[in-house]
């Protein structure tokens, strides 16, 4: 039996694909090497 969807909002937004914007900005600012945020 499938679970019913909750009416309450999510605690945080679920991202379907990786977003490397923070890492890309750090590299553009001259910081290197840059670990992924999920690796820190």
PDB file of N, CA and C in Angstrom:
ATOM      1  N   UNK A   1       0.842  -1.181   0.000  1.00  0.00           N
ATOM      2  CA  UNK A   1       0.000   0.000   0.000  1.00  0.00           C
ATOM      3  C   UNK A   1       0.889   1.247   0.000  1.00  0.00           C
ATOM      4  N   UNK A   2       0.589   2.206  -0.866  1.00  0.00           N
ATOM      5  CA  UNK A   2       1.382   3.433  -0.993  1.00  0.00           C
ATOM      6  C   UNK A   2       1.112   4.365   0.184  1.00  0.00           C
ATOM      7  N   UNK A   3       2.152   5.092   0.581  1.00  0.00           N
ATOM      8  CA  UNK A   3       2.006   6.060   1.669  1.00  0.00           C
ATOM      9  C   UNK A   3       1.318   7.319   1.158  1.00  0.00           C
ATOM     10  N   UNK A   4       0.490   7.907   1.992  1.00  0.00           N
ATOM     11  CA  UNK A   4      -0.184   9.158   1.639  1.00  0.00           C
ATOM     12  C   UNK A   4       0.812  10.311   1.731  1.00  0.00           C
ATOM     13  N   UNK A   5       0.668  11.291   0.842  1.00  0.00           N
ATOM     14  CA  UNK A   5       1.544  12.471   0.869  1.00  0.00           C
ATOM     15  C   UNK A   5       1.173  13.355   2.048  1.00  0.00           C
ATOM     16  N   UNK A   6       2.176  13.927   2.675  1.00  0.00           N
ATOM     17  CA  UNK A   6       1.963  14.814   3.812  1.00  0.00           C
ATOM     18  C   UNK A   6       1.543  16.201   3.326  1.00  0.00           C
ATOM     19  N   UNK A   7       0.726  16.875   4.110  1.00  0.00           N
ATOM     20  CA  UNK A   7       0.316  18.243   3.787  1.00  0.00           C
ATOM     21  C   UNK A   7       1.334  19.269   4.271  1.00  0.00           C
ATOM     22  N   UNK A   8       2.245  18.876   5.169  1.00  0.00           N
ATOM     23  CA  UNK A   8       3.220  19.830   5.700  1.00  0.00           C
ATOM     24  C   UNK A   8       4.340  20.093   4.711  1.00  0.00           C
ATOM     25  N   UNK A   9       4.904  21.302   4.757  1.00  0.00           N
ATOM     26  CA  UNK A   9       6.000  21.636   3.836  1.00  0.00           C
ATOM     27  C   UNK A   9       7.262  20.850   4.190  1.00  0.00           C
ATOM     28  N   UNK A  10       8.133  20.695   3.213  1.00  0.00           N
ATOM     29  CA  UNK A  10       9.397  20.011   3.445  1.00  0.00           C
ATOM     30  C   UNK A  10      10.290  20.849   4.349  1.00  0.00           C
ATOM     31  N   UNK A  11      11.146  20.188   5.110  1.00  0.00           N
ATOM     32  CA  UNK A  11      12.080  20.882   5.989  1.00  0.00           C
ATOM     33  C   UNK A  11      13.095  21.674   5.172  1.00  0.00           C
ATOM     34  N   UNK A  12      13.530  21.116   4.040  1.00  0.00           N
ATOM     35  CA  UNK A  12      14.439  21.791   3.129  1.00  0.00           C
ATOM     36  C   UNK A  12      14.123  21.329   1.716  1.00  0.00           C
ATOM     37  N   UNK A  13      14.548  22.109   0.745  1.00  0.00           N
ATOM     38  CA  UNK A  13      14.269  21.805  -0.658  1.00  0.00           C
ATOM     39  C   UNK A  13      15.078  20.586  -1.100  1.00  0.00           C
ATOM     40  N   UNK A  14      14.421  19.631  -1.723  1.00  0.00           N
ATOM     41  CA  UNK A  14      15.099  18.439  -2.221  1.00  0.00           C
ATOM     42  C   UNK A  14      15.651  18.743  -3.611  1.00  0.00           C
ATOM     43  N   UNK A  15      16.957  18.641  -3.770  1.00  0.00           N
ATOM     44  CA  UNK A  15      17.611  18.919  -5.037  1.00  0.00           C
ATOM     45  C   UNK A  15      17.758  17.612  -5.802  1.00  0.00           C
ATOM     46  N   UNK A  16      17.334  17.597  -7.064  1.00  0.00           N
ATOM     47  CA  UNK A  16      17.372  16.376  -7.852  1.00  0.00           C
ATOM     48  C   UNK A  16      18.715  16.124  -8.511  1.00  0.00           C
ATOM     49  N   UNK A  17      19.525  17.168  -8.670  1.00  0.00           N
ATOM     50  CA  UNK A  17      20.847  16.984  -9.270  1.00  0.00           C
ATOM     51  C   UNK A  17      21.852  17.844  -8.516  1.00  0.00           C
ATOM     52  N   UNK A  18      23.133  17.508  -8.566  1.00  0.00           N
ATOM     53  CA  UNK A  18      24.135  18.285  -7.839  1.00  0.00           C
ATOM     54  C   UNK A  18      24.225  19.723  -8.336  1.00  0.00           C
ATOM     55  N   UNK A  19      24.502  20.625  -7.413  1.00  0.00           N
ATOM     56  CA  UNK A  19      24.692  22.039  -7.733  1.00  0.00           C
ATOM     57  C   UNK A  19      26.093  22.421  -7.264  1.00  0.00           C
ATOM     58  N   UNK A  20      26.955  22.745  -8.194  1.00  0.00           N
ATOM     59  CA  UNK A  20      28.338  23.053  -7.873  1.00  0.00           C
ATOM     60  C   UNK A  20      28.608  24.552  -7.877  1.00  0.00           C
ATOM     61  N   UNK A  21      27.580  25.375  -7.661  1.00  0.00           N
ATOM     62  CA  UNK A  21      27.759  26.825  -7.746  1.00  0.00           C
ATOM     63  C   UNK A  21      28.706  27.359  -6.671  1.00  0.00           C
ATOM     64  N   UNK A  22      28.657  26.817  -5.465  1.00  0.00           N
ATOM     65  CA  UNK A  22      29.545  27.292  -4.397  1.00  0.00           C
ATOM     66  C   UNK A  22      30.990  26.941  -4.728  1.00  0.00           C
ATOM     67  N   UNK A  23      31.206  25.704  -5.197  1.00  0.00           N
ATOM     68  CA  UNK A  23      32.555  25.276  -5.555  1.00  0.00           C
ATOM     69  C   UNK A  23      33.085  26.070  -6.746  1.00  0.00           C
ATOM     70  N   UNK A  24      32.228  26.319  -7.741  1.00  0.00           N
ATOM     71  CA  UNK A  24      32.634  27.067  -8.930  1.00  0.00           C
ATOM     72  C   UNK A  24      33.030  28.494  -8.561  1.00  0.00           C
ATOM     73  N   UNK A  25      32.267  29.133  -7.656  1.00  0.00           N
ATOM     74  CA  UNK A  25      32.601  30.491  -7.220  1.00  0.00           C
ATOM     75  C   UNK A  25      33.927  30.498  -6.464  1.00  0.00           C
ATOM     76  N   UNK A  26      34.161  29.505  -5.621  1.00  0.00           N
ATOM     77  CA  UNK A  26      35.419  29.451  -4.870  1.00  0.00           C
ATOM     78  C   UNK A  26      36.602  29.307  -5.821  1.00  0.00           C
ATOM     79  N   UNK A  27      36.468  28.469  -6.845  1.00  0.00           N
ATOM     80  CA  UNK A  27      37.551  28.306  -7.818  1.00  0.00           C
ATOM     81  C   UNK A  27      37.770  29.597  -8.604  1.00  0.00           C
ATOM     82  N   UNK A  28      36.681  30.306  -8.940  1.00  0.00           N
ATOM     83  CA  UNK A  28      36.803  31.571  -9.666  1.00  0.00           C
ATOM     84  C   UNK A  28      37.489  32.633  -8.808  1.00  0.00           C
ATOM     85  N   UNK A  29      37.321  32.529  -7.479  1.00  0.00           N
ATOM     86  CA  UNK A  29      37.966  33.472  -6.556  1.00  0.00           C
ATOM     87  C   UNK A  29      39.417  33.100  -6.275  1.00  0.00           C
ATOM     88  N   UNK A  30      39.907  32.030  -6.895  1.00  0.00           N
ATOM     89  CA  UNK A  30      41.305  31.648  -6.745  1.00  0.00           C
ATOM     90  C   UNK A  30      41.578  30.628  -5.660  1.00  0.00           C
ATOM     91  N   UNK A  31      40.532  30.080  -5.049  1.00  0.00           N
ATOM     92  CA  UNK A  31      40.718  29.057  -4.022  1.00  0.00           C
ATOM     93  C   UNK A  31      40.820  27.695  -4.695  1.00  0.00           C
ATOM     94  N   UNK A  32      41.876  26.958  -4.367  1.00  0.00           N
ATOM     95  CA  UNK A  32      42.081  25.652  -4.993  1.00  0.00           C
ATOM     96  C   UNK A  32      42.953  24.817  -4.095  1.00  0.00           C
ATOM     97  N   UNK A  33      42.785  23.552  -3.891  1.00  0.00           N
ATOM     98  CA  UNK A  33      41.669  22.733  -4.358  1.00  0.00           C
ATOM     99  C   UNK A  33      40.404  23.003  -3.540  1.00  0.00           C
ATOM    100  N   UNK A  34      39.282  22.713  -4.129  1.00  0.00           N
ATOM    101  CA  UNK A  34      37.991  22.936  -3.486  1.00  0.00           C
ATOM    102  C   UNK A  34      37.310  21.589  -3.309  1.00  0.00           C
ATOM    103  N   UNK A  35      37.003  21.229  -2.057  1.00  0.00           N
ATOM    104  CA  UNK A  35      36.256  19.998  -1.790  1.00  0.00           C
ATOM    105  C   UNK A  35      34.779  20.292  -1.976  1.00  0.00           C
ATOM    106  N   UNK A  36      34.036  19.304  -2.447  1.00  0.00           N
ATOM    107  CA  UNK A  36      32.596  19.471  -2.580  1.00  0.00           C
ATOM    108  C   UNK A  36      31.962  19.703  -1.216  1.00  0.00           C
ATOM    109  N   UNK A  37      30.884  20.447  -1.179  1.00  0.00           N
ATOM    110  CA  UNK A  37      30.230  20.756   0.090  1.00  0.00           C
ATOM    111  C   UNK A  37      29.766  19.492   0.796  1.00  0.00           C
ATOM    112  N   UNK A  38      29.431  18.449   0.049  1.00  0.00           N
ATOM    113  CA  UNK A  38      28.991  17.210   0.678  1.00  0.00           C
ATOM    114  C   UNK A  38      30.174  16.392   1.192  1.00  0.00           C
ATOM    115  N   UNK A  39      31.404  16.800   0.860  1.00  0.00           N
ATOM    116  CA  UNK A  39      32.594  16.074   1.293  1.00  0.00           C
ATOM    117  C   UNK A  39      33.234  16.706   2.522  1.00  0.00           C
ATOM    118  N   UNK A  40      32.851  17.927   2.836  1.00  0.00           N
ATOM    119  CA  UNK A  40      33.507  18.653   3.933  1.00  0.00           C
ATOM    120  C   UNK A  40      33.102  18.112   5.286  1.00  0.00           C
TER     121      UNK A  40
END
